[in-house]
Amino acid sequence: MGEHEEKHEGSLMEKLAEKIHGHDSSSDSDNDKPSESSTKAKVFRLFGRERSPLCIPEVHIPKDPVIEFAEALRFESNLAFTVLRDIASGRDLKKFLYVIAGLWILSIVGSWCNFVTLFYLVFVLLHSVPVLYEKYEDKVDPFAEKAMHEIKKQCAVFNAKVLSKIPRGPSKEKNKD
């Protein structure tokens, strides 16, 4: 099997050499055939390489940056889990209500379109809104200040009318006896 592959490879090289030199296969002269190394050089030149393929160097990833990245990722993940636990337990009522409102709005918007469309819209907004903000910053900031003032007023009204009427359990103060 090895001889057959060498014979086929040799005949392929000879055919390429004949094509390059313009010889046809009926030539019987052995002196006209180029050497194997010159044939390889011409084939490499034919495919855009002047010399044989280069050796590919070995790639090593240093240990320290990978460990630093893993530690930073672990720290951020633990911080995110802590925030999620606080939200889920209801310790921070304001964040808890924000999450409920955000998920409710997301479910409404999600019912209007499928996930791919929603992902595309979010992608486009995340890339275009910062550019638009930088361009029109002087017009957006006063409007945002007015909107924040109005939102704070509405939150104060909501707090006074609804949240203040929710009974809270007795505080967990320890006796210092």
Protein backbone atom coordinates (compact mmCIF):
# COMPACT_ATOMS: atom_id res chain seq x y z
CA MET A 1 0.00 0.00 0.00
CA GLY A 2 2.90 2.38 0.76
CA GLU A 3 4.44 1.74 -2.67
CA HIS A 4 1.12 2.48 -4.37
CA GLU A 5 0.84 5.85 -2.56
CA GLU A 6 4.44 6.75 -3.44
CA LYS A 7 3.84 5.75 -7.06
CA HIS A 8 0.63 7.82 -7.19
CA GLU A 9 2.36 10.76 -5.48
CA GLY A 10 5.32 10.50 -7.85
CA SER A 11 3.07 10.38 -10.91
CA LEU A 12 1.15 13.40 -9.62
CA MET A 13 4.41 15.32 -9.16
CA GLU A 14 5.52 14.29 -12.65
CA LYS A 15 2.22 15.45 -14.15
CA LEU A 16 2.53 18.81 -12.40
CA ALA A 17 6.11 19.14 -13.60
CA GLU A 18 5.03 18.33 -17.14
CA LYS A 19 2.30 20.95 -16.96
CA ILE A 20 4.76 23.53 -15.67
CA HIS A 21 7.37 22.80 -18.34
CA GLY A 22 4.89 22.21 -21.16
CA HIS A 23 6.04 18.64 -21.85
CA ASP A 24 3.59 15.97 -22.84
CA SER A 25 3.71 12.41 -21.49
CA SER A 26 5.10 10.94 -24.75
CA SER A 27 8.61 12.29 -24.03
CA ASP A 28 11.06 9.40 -23.51
CA SER A 29 14.09 11.41 -22.60
CA ASP A 30 15.10 10.95 -18.93
CA ASN A 31 17.49 13.91 -19.08
CA ASP A 32 14.59 16.37 -19.60
CA LYS A 33 12.88 15.45 -16.28
CA PRO A 34 13.59 17.93 -13.50
CA SER A 35 14.86 16.75 -10.15
CA GLU A 36 12.37 16.11 -7.34
CA SER A 37 13.54 19.07 -5.24
CA SER A 38 13.18 21.52 -8.12
CA THR A 39 9.74 20.10 -8.84
CA LYS A 40 8.68 20.62 -5.22
CA ALA A 41 10.05 24.16 -5.30
CA LYS A 42 8.04 24.90 -8.44
CA VAL A 43 4.89 23.38 -6.94
CA PHE A 44 5.34 25.49 -3.80
CA ARG A 45 5.84 28.56 -5.97
CA LEU A 46 2.72 27.60 -7.94
CA PHE A 47 0.67 27.69 -4.72
CA GLY A 48 2.22 30.95 -3.48
CA ARG A 49 5.07 29.63 -1.34
CA GLU A 50 8.68 30.16 -2.17
CA ARG A 51 9.95 27.59 0.32
CA SER A 52 8.67 24.59 2.19
CA PRO A 53 6.04 25.09 4.91
CA LEU A 54 7.28 26.54 8.18
CA CYS A 55 7.17 24.67 11.44
CA ILE A 56 4.32 25.74 13.70
CA PRO A 57 5.65 26.89 17.08
CA GLU A 58 4.32 25.45 20.31
CA VAL A 59 1.98 27.69 22.27
CA HIS A 60 2.02 27.75 26.06
CA ILE A 61 -0.43 29.64 28.24
CA PRO A 62 1.18 30.96 31.42
CA LYS A 63 -0.32 29.67 34.65
CA ASP A 64 -0.45 32.93 36.66
CA PRO A 65 -2.79 35.01 34.42
CA VAL A 66 -5.20 32.06 34.15
CA ILE A 67 -5.29 31.69 37.94
CA GLU A 68 -5.80 35.45 38.41
CA PHE A 69 -8.66 35.41 35.89
CA ALA A 70 -10.27 32.41 37.61
CA GLU A 71 -10.02 34.11 41.02
CA ALA A 72 -11.55 37.33 39.69
CA LEU A 73 -14.35 35.36 38.03
CA ARG A 74 -14.98 33.45 41.29
CA PHE A 75 -15.12 36.70 43.26
CA GLU A 76 -17.58 38.34 40.85
CA SER A 77 -19.74 35.19 40.73
CA ASN A 78 -19.92 35.04 44.52
CA LEU A 79 -20.84 38.73 44.64
CA ALA A 80 -23.61 38.18 42.07
CA PHE A 81 -24.93 35.17 44.03
CA THR A 82 -24.99 37.29 47.20
CA VAL A 83 -27.01 40.01 45.48
CA LEU A 84 -29.38 37.42 43.99
CA ARG A 85 -29.84 35.78 47.42
CA ASP A 86 -30.62 39.17 48.99
CA ILE A 87 -33.17 39.92 46.27
CA ALA A 88 -34.81 36.50 46.48
CA SER A 89 -35.04 36.58 50.28
CA GLY A 90 -36.76 39.96 50.18
CA ARG A 91 -34.27 41.66 52.50
CA ASP A 92 -34.07 44.68 50.23
CA LEU A 93 -37.67 45.47 49.35
CA LYS A 94 -36.76 48.17 46.84
CA LYS A 95 -34.54 45.84 44.77
CA PHE A 96 -37.11 43.07 45.09
CA LEU A 97 -39.84 45.31 43.63
CA TYR A 98 -37.49 46.49 40.86
CA VAL A 99 -36.80 42.88 39.88
CA ILE A 100 -40.51 42.04 39.88
CA ALA A 101 -41.28 45.10 37.73
CA GLY A 102 -38.38 44.34 35.36
CA LEU A 103 -39.44 40.72 34.90
CA TRP A 104 -43.04 41.78 34.37
CA ILE A 105 -42.01 44.27 31.67
CA LEU A 106 -39.73 41.65 30.11
CA SER A 107 -42.60 39.16 29.95
CA ILE A 108 -44.84 41.73 28.26
CA VAL A 109 -42.19 42.65 25.69
CA GLY A 110 -41.33 38.95 25.25
CA SER A 111 -44.93 38.16 24.36
CA TRP A 112 -44.78 40.66 21.50
CA CYS A 113 -41.77 39.08 19.75
CA ASN A 114 -39.55 36.00 19.86
CA PHE A 115 -36.20 35.69 21.61
CA VAL A 116 -34.01 36.30 18.54
CA THR A 117 -35.80 39.55 17.74
CA LEU A 118 -35.59 40.67 21.36
CA PHE A 119 -31.87 39.77 21.46
CA TYR A 120 -31.28 41.74 18.26
CA LEU A 121 -33.13 44.79 19.59
CA VAL A 122 -31.16 44.74 22.84
CA PHE A 123 -27.89 44.33 20.90
CA VAL A 124 -28.67 47.31 18.65
CA LEU A 125 -29.78 49.47 21.58
CA LEU A 126 -26.68 48.65 23.62
CA HIS A 127 -24.48 49.74 20.74
CA SER A 128 -26.41 52.81 19.62
CA VAL A 129 -27.66 54.44 22.84
CA PRO A 130 -24.19 55.33 24.20
CA VAL A 131 -23.26 56.98 20.91
CA LEU A 132 -26.51 58.94 20.82
CA TYR A 133 -26.07 59.96 24.46
CA GLU A 134 -22.58 61.31 23.79
CA LYS A 135 -23.88 63.25 20.80
CA TYR A 136 -26.91 64.78 22.56
CA GLU A 137 -25.67 64.80 26.17
CA ASP A 138 -26.51 68.46 26.78
CA LYS A 139 -30.17 67.89 25.79
CA VAL A 140 -30.61 64.52 27.52
CA ASP A 141 -29.27 65.42 30.97
CA PRO A 142 -31.87 68.11 31.84
CA PHE A 143 -34.66 65.84 30.63
CA ALA A 144 -33.29 62.94 32.71
CA GLU A 145 -33.09 65.15 35.80
CA LYS A 146 -36.76 66.12 35.38
CA ALA A 147 -37.72 62.48 34.90
CA MET A 148 -35.78 61.37 38.01
CA HIS A 149 -37.42 64.12 40.07
CA GLU A 150 -40.86 62.97 38.91
CA ILE A 151 -40.04 59.30 39.60
CA LYS A 152 -38.85 60.16 43.12
CA LYS A 153 -42.11 62.06 43.73
CA GLN A 154 -44.16 59.08 42.56
CA CYS A 155 -42.11 56.67 44.71
CA ALA A 156 -42.68 58.88 47.76
CA VAL A 157 -46.43 58.89 47.09
CA PHE A 158 -46.41 55.09 46.60
CA ASN A 159 -44.41 54.65 49.80
CA ALA A 160 -46.78 56.87 51.78
CA LYS A 161 -49.98 55.30 50.45
CA VAL A 162 -49.05 51.62 50.06
CA LEU A 163 -45.76 50.52 51.57
CA SER A 164 -46.22 52.34 54.86
CA LYS A 165 -49.49 50.45 55.44
CA ILE A 166 -47.85 47.01 55.17
CA PRO A 167 -47.47 45.67 58.70
CA ARG A 168 -43.99 44.65 59.66
CA GLY A 169 -43.16 42.01 62.21
CA PRO A 170 -41.53 42.85 65.51
CA SER A 171 -37.92 43.90 65.20
CA LYS A 172 -35.34 41.31 66.14
CA GLU A 173 -33.58 43.14 68.91
CA LYS A 174 -31.56 41.04 71.30
CA ASN A 175 -32.05 41.47 75.01
CA LYS A 176 -28.92 42.77 76.73
CA ASP A 177 -29.70 41.27 80.15
